[in-house]
Protein backbone atom coordinates (compact mmCIF):
# COMPACT_ATOMS: atom_id res chain seq x y z
CA ARG A 1 26.06 91.45 84.00
CA TYR A 2 26.55 93.70 80.75
CA GLY A 3 23.65 95.14 81.17
CA GLY A 4 20.65 96.12 82.82
CA ASP A 5 18.69 92.72 82.35
CA GLU A 6 21.29 90.77 79.94
CA PHE A 7 24.01 88.64 81.74
CA VAL A 8 27.08 87.02 79.74
CA ALA A 9 28.29 83.42 80.68
CA ILE A 10 31.62 82.04 79.19
CA LEU A 11 32.12 78.67 79.22
CA PRO A 12 36.57 77.54 78.36
CA GLU A 13 36.95 74.24 77.46
CA THR A 14 33.13 73.37 76.10
CA ASP A 15 31.42 72.15 73.21
CA LEU A 16 27.78 72.92 71.84
CA GLU A 17 25.97 70.26 73.09
CA ALA A 18 27.67 70.93 76.96
CA ALA A 19 26.26 74.33 76.44
CA SER A 20 23.03 73.56 75.82
CA VAL A 21 23.07 71.25 78.75
CA GLY A 22 23.96 74.33 80.95
CA ALA A 23 21.56 77.03 79.09
CA ARG A 24 18.68 74.67 79.82
CA ARG A 25 19.84 74.39 83.53
CA ILE A 26 20.21 78.27 83.90
CA ILE A 27 16.16 78.23 82.40
CA GLU A 28 15.33 76.05 84.81
CA ALA A 29 16.79 77.38 87.56
CA VAL A 30 15.54 80.99 87.01
CA GLY A 31 12.09 79.31 86.52
CA GLY A 32 12.03 77.99 89.98
CA VAL A 33 12.52 81.20 91.61
CA THR A 34 9.61 82.97 93.15
CA LEU A 35 9.17 86.45 94.17
CA SER A 36 6.20 87.67 96.74
CA VAL A 37 5.60 91.23 96.41
CA ALA A 38 3.61 93.30 98.45
CA ASP A 39 0.10 92.75 97.32
CA GLY A 40 0.31 89.32 97.95
CA ALA A 41 0.96 88.33 94.13
CA VAL A 42 3.62 85.76 92.78
CA VAL A 43 5.99 86.34 90.23
CA THR A 44 8.01 84.35 88.54
CA GLY A 45 10.84 85.24 85.76
CA SER A 46 12.50 83.81 82.38
CA VAL A 47 15.40 83.92 80.59
CA SER A 48 15.86 84.11 76.95
CA ILE A 49 19.55 82.18 75.88
CA GLY A 50 21.87 82.74 72.76
CA MET A 51 25.01 81.30 71.97
CA ALA A 52 27.95 81.16 69.87
CA THR A 53 31.01 78.94 69.80
CA TYR A 54 34.77 79.69 68.67
CA PRO A 55 35.68 78.76 66.49
CA ASP A 56 32.68 77.52 64.81
CA HIS A 57 30.46 80.75 64.39
CA ALA A 58 33.12 83.59 64.74
CA VAL A 59 37.35 83.49 65.97
CA ALA A 60 36.75 87.45 67.15
CA MET A 61 36.21 87.74 70.44
CA LYS A 62 33.81 90.42 69.58
CA ASP A 63 32.12 88.54 66.47
CA LEU A 64 31.17 85.66 69.05
CA PHE A 65 29.71 88.28 71.26
CA LEU A 66 27.58 89.37 68.54
CA PHE A 67 26.97 85.98 67.11
CA ALA A 68 25.31 85.03 70.78
CA ASP A 69 23.59 88.10 70.87
CA ASN A 70 21.67 87.93 68.04
CA MET A 71 20.81 84.03 69.03
CA MET A 72 19.66 85.73 72.55
CA TYR A 73 16.88 88.29 70.16
CA ARG A 74 15.82 85.40 68.40
CA ALA A 75 15.51 83.44 71.49
CA LYS A 76 13.25 86.35 72.71
CA ALA A 77 11.52 86.69 69.20
CA GLU A 78 10.35 82.89 69.41
CA GLY A 79 8.29 83.36 72.63
CA LYS A 80 10.75 83.95 74.97
CA ASN A 81 11.95 81.24 78.05
CA ARG A 82 14.09 79.08 75.80
CA VAL A 83 17.73 78.77 73.96
CA VAL A 84 18.30 78.78 70.70
CA VAL A 85 21.10 76.33 69.64
CA PRO A 86 22.73 77.69 65.83
CA ASP A 87 23.30 76.12 63.25
CA ALA A 88 25.38 76.49 59.70
CA GLN A 89 22.39 78.67 58.50
CA ASP A 90 22.41 80.65 61.43
CA VAL A 91 26.18 81.65 60.81
CA ILE A 92 25.16 82.77 56.98
CA ASP A 93 22.07 84.68 57.78
CA VAL A 94 23.71 86.24 61.07
CA PHE A 95 26.70 87.58 59.16
CA ARG A 96 24.53 88.79 56.19
CA THR A 97 22.83 90.89 58.10
CA LEU A 98 26.30 92.08 59.73
CA GLY A 99 27.46 92.90 56.51
CA GLU A 100 24.13 94.46 55.26
CA LYS A 101 24.65 96.63 58.50
CA SER A 102 28.01 97.15 57.46
CA MET A 103 26.94 98.46 54.35
CA LEU A 104 23.98 100.42 56.33
CA ILE A 105 26.81 102.22 58.45
CA LEU A 106 29.09 103.51 55.11
CA ASN A 107 26.72 104.58 53.58
CA ALA A 108 24.92 106.57 56.52
CA VAL A 109 28.20 108.24 57.04
CA GLU A 110 28.84 108.95 53.28
CA LYS A 111 24.93 110.22 53.06
CA ARG A 112 25.56 111.74 56.42
CA SER A 113 21.94 110.15 57.35
CA VAL A 114 22.60 110.04 61.26
CA VAL A 115 19.71 111.96 62.79
CA PRO A 116 20.27 113.61 66.55
CA PHE A 117 16.75 112.81 68.77
CA PHE A 118 16.45 114.67 71.85
CA GLN A 119 15.33 113.61 75.56
CA PRO A 120 14.71 116.84 77.89
CA ILE A 121 16.72 116.64 80.90
CA ILE A 122 14.59 119.07 83.83
CA ASN A 123 15.95 120.54 86.88
CA VAL A 124 13.52 119.32 89.40
CA ALA A 125 13.86 122.52 91.44
CA THR A 126 12.10 124.59 88.87
CA GLY A 127 10.52 121.72 86.33
CA LYS A 128 11.99 123.79 83.80
CA VAL A 129 14.42 122.36 81.09
CA GLU A 130 18.14 122.19 81.85
CA ALA A 131 19.49 120.05 79.05
CA VAL A 132 18.88 117.87 76.86
CA GLU A 133 20.43 114.32 75.20
CA VAL A 134 21.32 113.72 72.29
CA LEU A 135 20.53 110.38 70.70
CA SER A 136 21.76 109.04 67.74
CA ARG A 137 19.70 107.33 64.98
CA ILE A 138 20.02 106.16 61.41
CA ARG A 139 17.35 107.34 59.05
CA MET A 140 16.27 104.55 56.58
CA GLU A 141 15.21 105.36 53.04
CA ASP A 142 12.15 104.81 53.87
CA GLY A 143 11.72 107.04 56.25
CA SER A 144 12.04 104.97 59.25
CA TYR A 145 14.87 104.77 62.16
CA ILE A 146 17.21 102.78 63.54
CA ILE A 147 18.99 103.19 67.16
CA ALA A 148 22.22 103.14 68.26
CA ASP A 149 21.58 99.94 69.92
CA GLU A 150 21.31 98.34 66.91
CA TYR A 151 24.41 100.14 64.88
CA VAL A 152 26.88 100.86 67.58
CA SER A 153 29.02 98.05 68.11
CA ILE A 154 29.11 97.37 64.28
CA ALA A 155 30.36 100.73 64.07
CA GLU A 156 32.95 100.80 66.51
CA LYS A 157 34.16 97.57 65.27
CA MET A 158 34.57 98.99 61.72
CA GLY A 159 36.53 101.99 63.05
CA VAL A 160 33.64 104.83 62.29
CA MET A 161 32.07 105.32 65.15
CA HIS A 162 33.62 108.61 65.76
CA LYS A 163 32.55 110.06 62.25
CA LEU A 164 28.98 109.00 63.22
CA ASP A 165 29.63 111.01 66.40
CA PHE A 166 30.64 114.15 64.49
CA ILE A 167 27.84 114.10 62.27
CA GLN A 168 25.69 113.98 65.21
CA LEU A 169 27.22 116.11 67.04
CA GLU A 170 26.85 118.97 63.99
CA LYS A 171 23.24 118.71 63.26
CA ALA A 172 22.94 118.93 66.89
CA LEU A 173 24.52 122.37 66.53
CA GLU A 174 22.54 123.26 63.84
CA ALA A 175 19.31 122.47 65.62
CA VAL A 176 20.53 124.65 68.32
CA GLU A 177 21.45 127.25 66.23
CA GLU A 178 17.96 127.38 64.67
CA THR A 179 16.04 127.06 67.55
CA GLY A 180 18.39 129.24 69.98
CA TYR A 181 18.54 126.78 72.96
CA ASN A 182 20.92 127.78 75.13
CA GLY A 183 21.19 125.09 77.81
CA PHE A 184 23.35 121.99 78.24
CA LEU A 185 24.35 119.29 75.58
CA PHE A 186 25.00 116.01 76.89
CA ILE A 187 26.88 113.66 74.33
CA ASN A 188 27.13 110.04 74.24
CA MET A 189 30.55 109.56 73.67
CA SER A 190 32.03 106.42 72.35
CA PRO A 191 34.74 104.41 74.36
CA ARG A 192 37.19 104.84 70.96
CA ALA A 193 37.33 108.12 71.17
CA LEU A 194 39.83 107.71 73.56
CA VAL A 195 42.67 106.49 71.27
CA LEU A 196 41.08 109.09 68.67
CA ASN A 197 43.98 111.85 69.08
CA ASP A 198 41.98 114.27 66.83
CA PHE A 199 38.53 113.90 69.04
CA VAL A 200 39.14 116.71 71.48
CA GLN A 201 40.62 119.37 68.44
CA GLU A 202 37.42 117.89 66.15
CA THR A 203 35.00 118.59 68.64
CA ARG A 204 36.66 121.69 69.57
CA ARG A 205 36.65 122.71 65.71
CA ILE A 206 32.72 121.74 65.35
CA ALA A 207 31.91 123.80 68.76
CA SER A 208 34.06 126.97 67.29
CA ARG A 209 32.25 126.98 63.94
CA PHE A 210 28.75 126.97 65.68
CA LYS A 211 29.91 129.53 68.08
CA ILE A 212 28.58 127.16 70.96
CA ASP A 213 30.52 127.82 74.29
CA PRO A 214 32.33 124.62 75.14
CA THR A 215 31.16 124.44 78.83
CA ARG A 216 27.44 123.55 77.34
CA LEU A 217 28.75 119.87 76.06
CA VAL A 218 28.68 118.23 78.30
CA PHE A 219 30.55 114.34 77.25
CA GLU A 220 28.98 110.99 78.62
CA ILE A 221 31.42 108.21 79.37
CA THR A 222 29.37 105.08 80.64
CA GLU A 223 30.97 103.42 83.43
CA ARG A 224 29.69 99.85 82.53
CA GLU A 225 32.81 100.50 79.86
CA THR A 226 35.83 98.64 80.99
CA ILE A 227 39.02 101.50 80.73
CA LYS A 228 41.55 99.32 81.49
CA ASN A 229 44.16 102.07 80.66
CA MET A 230 43.11 104.71 83.24
CA ALA A 231 46.28 106.52 82.14
CA LEU A 232 44.57 106.75 78.96
CA LEU A 233 41.68 107.89 80.15
CA GLU A 234 43.11 110.38 82.68
CA ARG A 235 45.58 112.02 79.77
CA PHE A 236 42.14 112.44 77.88
CA ILE A 237 40.21 113.54 80.32
CA VAL A 238 42.71 116.56 81.02
CA THR A 239 42.89 117.55 77.44
CA LEU A 240 38.61 117.66 77.64
CA ARG A 241 38.58 120.09 80.13
CA SER A 242 41.34 122.14 79.35
CA GLU A 243 39.50 122.84 76.44
CA GLY A 244 36.53 123.53 78.49
CA PHE A 245 34.37 120.58 77.89
CA LYS A 246 32.42 118.91 80.36
CA LEU A 247 32.08 115.40 81.74
CA ALA A 248 29.24 113.36 83.04
CA ILE A 249 29.17 109.59 84.20
CA ASP A 250 26.80 107.71 82.55
CA ASP A 251 25.33 104.63 84.34
CA PHE A 252 27.14 105.55 88.04
CA GLY A 253 26.94 102.73 90.26
CA SER A 254 26.89 100.18 87.68
CA GLY A 255 30.44 98.95 87.72
CA PHE A 256 33.53 98.68 90.24
CA SER A 257 35.39 101.76 88.87
CA SER A 258 32.60 104.65 90.30
CA PHE A 259 34.52 105.62 92.70
CA HIS A 260 38.00 105.65 91.01
CA TYR A 261 36.10 108.14 88.70
CA VAL A 262 34.61 110.56 91.12
CA LYS A 263 38.53 110.24 93.32
CA ARG A 264 41.02 110.84 90.04
CA PHE A 265 38.88 112.85 87.60
CA PRO A 266 36.91 115.99 87.39
CA ILE A 267 33.64 114.87 87.44
CA ASP A 268 30.27 117.57 86.10
CA PHE A 269 27.73 115.26 86.49
CA LEU A 270 26.63 111.83 87.35
CA LYS A 271 23.66 110.23 85.65
CA ILE A 272 23.00 107.44 88.86
CA GLU A 273 22.37 103.64 87.53
CA GLY A 274 18.79 103.92 85.89
CA ASP A 275 18.02 100.02 87.62
CA PHE A 276 18.30 102.26 90.73
CA ILE A 277 16.26 104.84 90.07
CA LEU A 278 12.95 102.48 88.90
CA GLY A 279 13.77 100.50 92.37
CA MET A 280 13.22 103.06 94.58
CA LYS A 281 9.49 102.69 94.28
CA ASN A 282 9.41 99.51 96.38
CA SER A 283 13.44 99.00 97.78
CA GLU A 284 14.81 100.73 100.57
CA LYS A 285 18.17 99.36 99.58
CA ASP A 286 17.80 101.27 96.25
CA ARG A 287 16.51 103.92 97.79
CA ALA A 288 19.73 104.23 100.47
CA LEU A 289 22.13 103.78 97.60
CA VAL A 290 20.75 106.58 95.75
CA ARG A 291 21.13 108.83 99.04
CA SER A 292 24.49 107.91 99.45
CA ILE A 293 25.16 108.58 95.78
CA VAL A 294 23.79 111.92 96.39
CA THR A 295 25.54 113.10 99.70
CA LEU A 296 28.57 112.15 97.79
CA SER A 297 28.10 113.59 95.08
CA LYS A 298 27.09 117.44 96.95
CA ASP A 299 30.16 117.02 99.43
CA LEU A 300 32.29 117.02 96.00
CA GLY A 301 30.27 119.28 93.81
CA ILE A 302 29.07 116.60 91.39
CA ARG A 303 25.52 117.49 90.26
CA THR A 304 23.09 114.12 89.91
CA VAL A 305 20.46 112.90 86.89
CA ALA A 306 18.04 110.49 87.30
CA GLU A 307 17.42 108.45 84.34
CA TYR A 308 14.49 105.85 83.45
CA VAL A 309 12.13 108.52 85.11
CA GLU A 310 8.99 106.55 83.69
CA ASP A 311 6.28 107.21 86.30
CA ARG A 312 5.11 110.18 88.43
CA ALA A 313 5.91 107.86 91.74
CA VAL A 314 9.86 107.88 90.46
CA LEU A 315 9.78 111.38 89.72
CA ASP A 316 8.45 111.87 93.34
CA GLN A 317 11.07 109.88 94.71
CA VAL A 318 13.78 111.45 92.82
CA VAL A 319 12.12 114.58 94.59
CA THR A 320 12.46 113.02 97.73
CA GLN A 321 16.14 111.90 97.70
CA GLY A 322 17.13 115.66 96.19
CA ILE A 323 18.57 114.66 93.00
CA ASP A 324 19.41 117.72 90.89
CA LEU A 325 18.60 117.01 87.51
CA ALA A 326 15.73 113.84 85.73
CA GLN A 327 14.79 112.40 82.22
CA GLY A 328 13.03 109.80 81.14
CA PHE A 329 9.18 108.86 79.11
CA TYR A 330 7.27 110.28 81.80
CA ILE A 331 9.13 114.08 80.95
CA HIS A 332 8.92 113.29 78.02
CA ARG A 333 10.77 111.10 75.23
CA PRO A 334 13.17 111.68 72.77
CA HIS A 335 12.12 113.66 69.73
CA ILE A 336 13.38 115.17 66.47
CA SER A 337 12.06 118.44 67.01
CA LEU A 338 14.77 120.22 69.71
CA ALA A 339 11.73 123.10 69.52
CA GLU A 340 9.71 120.52 70.42
CA VAL A 341 11.36 118.79 73.67
CA MET A 342 12.29 122.93 74.71
CA LYS A 343 9.04 123.39 75.81
CA VAL A 344 8.50 121.10 78.49
CA ASN A 345 8.14 122.04 81.93
CA LEU A 346 6.60 119.69 84.62
CA PRO A 347 4.37 121.98 87.46
C-alpha cells in the first residue's frame, strides 16, 4: 500500500504481456467484490492500473515508478476501471512531460515562484485557530498553481527539493510577519532533508532572520516514508530539537514504524492517519484504533491532530474521541491568504 487508495505490485521476471494478464485479473477480482452498507445499498469497487517494465520504460527505480504512476493516471482519465499498457510513444510522451516538469522546477527555484498556501488547524475545545499547515504550490505564468504532489518526487530526484522548501519557509514567515500571526506553523519536510548537513542550520538562520521563536515551527515527517537508517533519523531529530524546533509524525498509523517513533523520538504532535479519521463515521474498528492512539498520546504527553475533517459528522467523532486539534475541508480549505485562515472560528 503506497498511500491512501494507491497500491504497488512488483512482478519479478515478468514481461509486459504477463503483467497485462495479471493486471486484468486484479481488475476482475476487485470488480467481483460487493459490500452491503447500512442503508441496504450495494457498493462495488473498481481499479485503474498503469504499468512500467524494466528496462523497456526506465532503468532507475524512481523513473519506473514515475512512469507507472503516469500510466495509472491515464487509465483514470480514460474512464477508470481499466489497465493502460504502455507503448513506445508513451515512453516519449511521459519523459517529455517529466523533462518539462524538471524545467518548471528549475525555473521555480530561479524565480522563487514557490507560493505557500495555509490550512488552519483548530483547537477542538475552543474552536479557534491554534496552528496552520504550510502547503507548497508553484505559481505558473498564467496564474494557475501546481500542487506539491505533482512535482515533489521529481524535485527530490533532481536534488533541489530543499531549495523549494527554504523558499516556501521564507515566504511563509513573510506572511507571518505581515499578519502578526502568533500560532504554530506545521511544515512538511522532505525525507531528503535528513541527509543535508546544513538543513537545520539554514532553517535556524531563516527563523532568526524573521525573529520567530523556533518552538513555533513544527516539522512533519511522513510516517509512510521508509527511513531505513534509524540512527541517521535519530541524529537529525536530536539536532532539530536542540535548536528548539518541534516535531510531528504525519499519517500516524499508516506504516509499521509508528510505535518505534513514539518510543524512540521526542515527538510533539501525532497527525492521525486520515483514513482512520474518515472511517470513524461508520466503523467501530476505526473508532477503536483512534481511541487507542489518543490514549497512548495522552499517556506520553503528545498532542493529537485529526486530518481529513470533511464534514460535521467527522468533526463530532473527533470531539467524542478527545483529539486535541483538527483540520480539513469542513474547517477550511488551503488558502493563499494567511490573514483569511486566521479568521476561522468554529462554534
